[in-house]
């Protein structure tokens, strides 16, 4: 069978390419919403870890944050997805996509927390002292002075986490979500031809990652230019 005949069989006949299109849409949907959840969780955990040593009232939160980071970063993503689907959110009326978004968001939050914490710690301590000397509270100084500088330092790392998240969502098919990876597998099962569908899926992931990597490279160059002014 020629290459063109394989392409026709796997993608054109029966509009099988729509599996890829719909799968890509679900992959991007899960990734974007999980990234938002992960960013929110990560910022909150990072602030707890940074501010807790100077505030005894935050010790329980610090303990919880440490436990969260240890458990989430110490267990496989696919196991966390299964736990979320089979144990935590078991209501049949809840969308599997929603379950996946929550699971991936919680997982991403642990890694984002360490990135944000490292970014905050990279800002000179004198910035906090300067803000306090101007009469700002510690909270206000953190939000208006420290965090903006920290985010500038960690934007490339956050971008890399987003790229990693896109690839990690490929395990969403384990709970029956027809994401991009699962779409390729469905076509393969129908045509008994693994080459075109699986190579197509791999190529799409590669194009997305290359595109995001290029954007991150441009962002880093702009940040370096602004630092030189």
Protein backbone atom coordinates (compact mmCIF):
# COMPACT_ATOMS: atom_id res chain seq x y z
CA UNK A 1 0.00 0.00 0.00
CA UNK A 2 1.43 3.38 -1.03
CA UNK A 3 1.83 6.32 1.34
CA UNK A 4 -1.06 8.18 -0.27
CA UNK A 5 -3.32 5.14 0.04
CA UNK A 6 -2.42 4.86 3.74
CA UNK A 7 -3.20 8.54 4.26
CA UNK A 8 -6.57 8.08 2.54
CA UNK A 9 -7.36 5.00 4.60
CA UNK A 10 -6.35 6.51 7.95
CA UNK A 11 -7.43 10.12 7.60
CA UNK A 12 -9.76 10.74 4.67
CA UNK A 13 -12.03 7.68 4.57
CA UNK A 14 -14.88 8.02 7.03
CA UNK A 15 -13.63 11.50 7.93
CA UNK A 16 -11.24 9.88 10.39
CA UNK A 17 -9.18 13.07 10.49
CA UNK A 18 -11.96 14.49 12.68
CA UNK A 19 -10.77 12.21 15.48
CA UNK A 20 -7.47 14.09 15.34
CA UNK A 21 -9.16 17.51 15.18
CA UNK A 22 -11.49 16.81 18.12
CA UNK A 23 -8.69 15.16 20.08
CA UNK A 24 -6.44 18.17 19.60
CA UNK A 25 -9.24 20.44 20.82
CA UNK A 26 -9.68 18.40 24.00
CA UNK A 27 -5.94 18.28 24.61
CA UNK A 28 -5.66 22.06 24.35
CA UNK A 29 -8.79 22.56 26.49
CA UNK A 30 -7.44 20.35 29.28
CA UNK A 31 -3.99 21.95 29.07
CA UNK A 32 -5.16 25.57 29.20
CA UNK A 33 -7.59 25.17 32.10
CA UNK A 34 -5.22 22.90 34.02
CA UNK A 35 -2.46 25.48 33.56
CA UNK A 36 -4.70 28.21 35.02
CA UNK A 37 -5.56 26.05 38.03
CA UNK A 38 -1.91 25.08 38.44
CA UNK A 39 -0.81 28.71 38.33
CA UNK A 40 -3.31 29.74 41.03
CA UNK A 41 -2.39 26.81 43.28
CA UNK A 42 1.31 27.33 42.65
CA UNK A 43 1.25 31.02 43.58
CA UNK A 44 -0.69 30.34 46.79
CA UNK A 45 1.64 27.51 47.85
CA UNK A 46 4.73 29.54 47.01
CA UNK A 47 3.52 32.47 49.11
CA UNK A 48 2.81 30.12 52.01
CA UNK A 49 6.27 28.57 51.80
CA UNK A 50 7.98 31.95 51.61
CA UNK A 51 5.99 33.77 54.29
CA UNK A 52 5.44 30.93 56.79
CA UNK A 53 8.93 31.01 58.41
CA UNK A 54 8.24 34.57 59.68
CA UNK A 55 4.67 33.89 60.76
CA UNK A 56 3.90 31.22 63.37
CA UNK A 57 0.18 31.35 62.54
CA UNK A 58 0.98 29.99 59.08
CA UNK A 59 2.76 26.86 60.36
CA UNK A 60 -0.25 24.56 59.72
CA UNK A 61 -0.51 25.93 56.18
CA UNK A 62 3.22 25.43 55.73
CA UNK A 63 2.89 21.82 56.88
CA UNK A 64 0.00 21.25 54.46
CA UNK A 65 1.94 22.84 51.59
CA UNK A 66 4.97 20.65 52.28
CA UNK A 67 2.79 17.53 52.39
CA UNK A 68 1.05 18.54 49.17
CA UNK A 69 4.33 19.11 47.34
CA UNK A 70 5.81 15.85 48.60
CA UNK A 71 2.81 13.70 47.67
CA UNK A 72 2.07 15.26 44.28
CA UNK A 73 5.67 15.42 43.11
CA UNK A 74 6.41 11.95 44.48
CA UNK A 75 3.65 10.01 42.70
CA UNK A 76 3.10 9.37 38.96
CA UNK A 77 0.66 11.60 37.08
CA UNK A 78 -1.32 8.64 35.76
CA UNK A 79 -1.85 7.32 39.32
CA UNK A 80 -3.10 10.74 40.43
CA UNK A 81 -5.49 10.76 37.45
CA UNK A 82 -6.86 7.34 38.43
CA UNK A 83 -7.28 8.42 42.07
CA UNK A 84 -9.14 11.54 41.00
CA UNK A 85 -11.41 9.58 38.63
CA UNK A 86 -12.09 6.41 40.64
CA UNK A 87 -11.89 7.69 44.24
CA UNK A 88 -12.25 11.48 44.58
CA UNK A 89 -14.74 12.48 41.85
CA UNK A 90 -16.94 9.44 41.30
CA UNK A 91 -20.24 11.11 40.36
CA UNK A 92 -21.27 9.72 36.93
CA UNK A 93 -22.70 13.06 35.79
CA UNK A 94 -19.33 14.80 36.14
CA UNK A 95 -17.48 15.20 32.86
CA UNK A 96 -14.30 13.18 32.43
CA UNK A 97 -12.69 16.27 30.93
CA UNK A 98 -13.45 18.17 34.14
CA UNK A 99 -11.86 15.37 36.19
CA UNK A 100 -8.77 15.49 33.99
CA UNK A 101 -8.51 19.29 34.28
CA UNK A 102 -8.63 19.09 38.08
CA UNK A 103 -6.10 16.24 38.21
CA UNK A 104 -3.62 17.88 35.86
CA UNK A 105 -4.15 21.27 37.52
CA UNK A 106 -3.37 19.87 40.96
CA UNK A 107 -0.28 18.13 39.61
CA UNK A 108 0.95 21.21 37.77
CA UNK A 109 0.38 23.37 40.85
CA UNK A 110 3.08 21.50 42.78
CA UNK A 111 5.70 22.20 40.13
CA UNK A 112 4.57 25.79 39.56
CA UNK A 113 4.84 26.37 43.32
CA UNK A 114 8.53 25.50 43.31
CA UNK A 115 9.13 27.66 40.25
CA UNK A 116 7.36 30.66 41.80
CA UNK A 117 9.07 30.13 45.16
CA UNK A 118 12.46 30.07 43.46
CA UNK A 119 11.53 33.25 41.59
CA UNK A 120 10.55 35.04 44.79
CA UNK A 121 13.74 33.93 46.50
CA UNK A 122 15.77 35.23 43.55
CA UNK A 123 14.57 38.79 44.18
CA UNK A 124 16.99 40.75 46.34
CA UNK A 125 15.89 40.92 49.99
CA UNK A 126 16.53 44.63 49.85
CA UNK A 127 13.38 45.00 47.76
CA UNK A 128 11.27 43.85 50.70
CA UNK A 129 13.12 46.14 53.08
CA UNK A 130 12.68 49.06 50.67
CA UNK A 131 8.96 48.46 50.46
CA UNK A 132 8.61 48.22 54.23
CA UNK A 133 10.63 51.43 54.67
CA UNK A 134 8.10 53.20 52.43
CA UNK A 135 5.35 52.23 54.85
CA UNK A 136 3.96 49.30 52.84
CA UNK A 137 2.81 46.17 54.65
CA UNK A 138 4.63 42.90 54.00
CA UNK A 139 1.65 41.63 52.01
CA UNK A 140 1.43 44.74 49.85
CA UNK A 141 5.18 44.73 49.25
CA UNK A 142 5.03 41.09 48.20
CA UNK A 143 2.14 41.66 45.77
CA UNK A 144 3.21 44.99 44.26
CA UNK A 145 7.01 44.79 44.33
CA UNK A 146 8.34 41.25 44.81
CA UNK A 147 5.91 39.18 42.69
CA UNK A 148 6.16 41.33 39.52
CA UNK A 149 9.95 40.99 39.57
CA UNK A 150 9.74 37.29 40.37
CA UNK A 151 7.38 36.59 37.47
CA UNK A 152 9.72 38.34 35.08
CA UNK A 153 12.48 35.97 36.18
CA UNK A 154 10.39 32.80 35.96
CA UNK A 155 8.34 33.34 32.81
CA UNK A 156 10.61 31.05 30.74
CA UNK A 157 10.38 28.33 33.40
CA UNK A 158 6.59 28.67 33.52
CA UNK A 159 6.54 28.34 29.75
CA UNK A 160 8.53 25.12 29.99
CA UNK A 161 6.06 23.80 32.58
CA UNK A 162 3.23 24.56 30.15
CA UNK A 163 5.01 22.58 27.43
CA UNK A 164 5.50 19.69 29.83
CA UNK A 165 1.82 19.83 30.77
CA UNK A 166 0.76 19.53 27.13
CA UNK A 167 2.72 16.31 26.77
CA UNK A 168 1.55 14.94 30.12
CA UNK A 169 -2.10 15.23 29.07
CA UNK A 170 -1.45 12.34 26.69
CA UNK A 171 -2.36 9.97 29.57
CA UNK A 172 -5.92 11.38 29.73
CA UNK A 173 -7.01 8.53 27.47
CA UNK A 174 -6.59 6.14 30.40
CA UNK A 175 -9.93 7.35 31.80
CA UNK A 176 -11.69 7.26 28.44
CA UNK A 177 -11.06 10.79 27.18
CA UNK A 178 -10.50 10.87 23.43
CA UNK A 179 -7.65 13.36 23.50
CA UNK A 180 -5.06 13.70 20.74
CA UNK A 181 -3.11 10.57 21.71
CA UNK A 182 -6.26 8.50 22.12
CA UNK A 183 -7.55 9.73 18.75
CA UNK A 184 -4.50 8.29 17.03
CA UNK A 185 -5.04 5.00 18.84
CA UNK A 186 -8.72 4.88 17.81
CA UNK A 187 -7.80 5.34 14.14
CA UNK A 188 -5.12 2.66 14.47
CA UNK A 189 -7.64 0.21 15.94
CA UNK A 190 -10.06 0.84 13.05
CA UNK A 191 -7.58 0.59 10.20
CA UNK A 192 -5.04 -1.81 11.76
CA UNK A 193 -2.38 0.55 10.40
CA UNK A 194 -0.30 2.20 13.15
CA UNK A 195 2.10 4.26 11.08
CA UNK A 196 0.08 7.21 9.77
CA UNK A 197 -2.16 7.93 12.82
CA UNK A 198 0.58 7.60 15.41
CA UNK A 199 3.14 9.52 13.37
CA UNK A 200 0.51 12.21 12.75
CA UNK A 201 -0.12 12.54 16.49
CA UNK A 202 3.61 12.70 17.20
CA UNK A 203 4.06 15.36 14.50
CA UNK A 204 1.26 17.52 15.94
CA UNK A 205 2.78 17.38 19.44
CA UNK A 206 6.17 18.21 17.94
CA UNK A 207 4.83 21.21 16.02
CA UNK A 208 3.09 22.55 19.15
CA UNK A 209 6.22 22.14 21.27
CA UNK A 210 8.48 23.71 18.64
CA UNK A 211 6.07 26.64 18.28
CA UNK A 212 5.91 27.25 22.03
CA UNK A 213 9.68 26.84 22.38
CA UNK A 214 10.19 29.47 19.67
CA UNK A 215 7.83 31.87 21.44
CA UNK A 216 9.65 31.26 24.73
CA UNK A 217 12.98 31.98 23.05
CA UNK A 218 11.67 35.30 21.75
CA UNK A 219 10.27 36.14 25.17
CA UNK A 220 13.62 35.44 26.82
CA UNK A 221 15.42 37.69 24.32
CA UNK A 222 12.96 40.51 25.00
CA UNK A 223 13.42 40.12 28.74
CA UNK A 224 17.18 40.26 28.35
CA UNK A 225 16.89 43.43 26.27
CA UNK A 226 14.70 45.11 28.89
CA UNK A 227 17.26 44.21 31.57
CA UNK A 228 19.98 46.01 29.64
CA UNK A 229 18.13 49.33 29.50
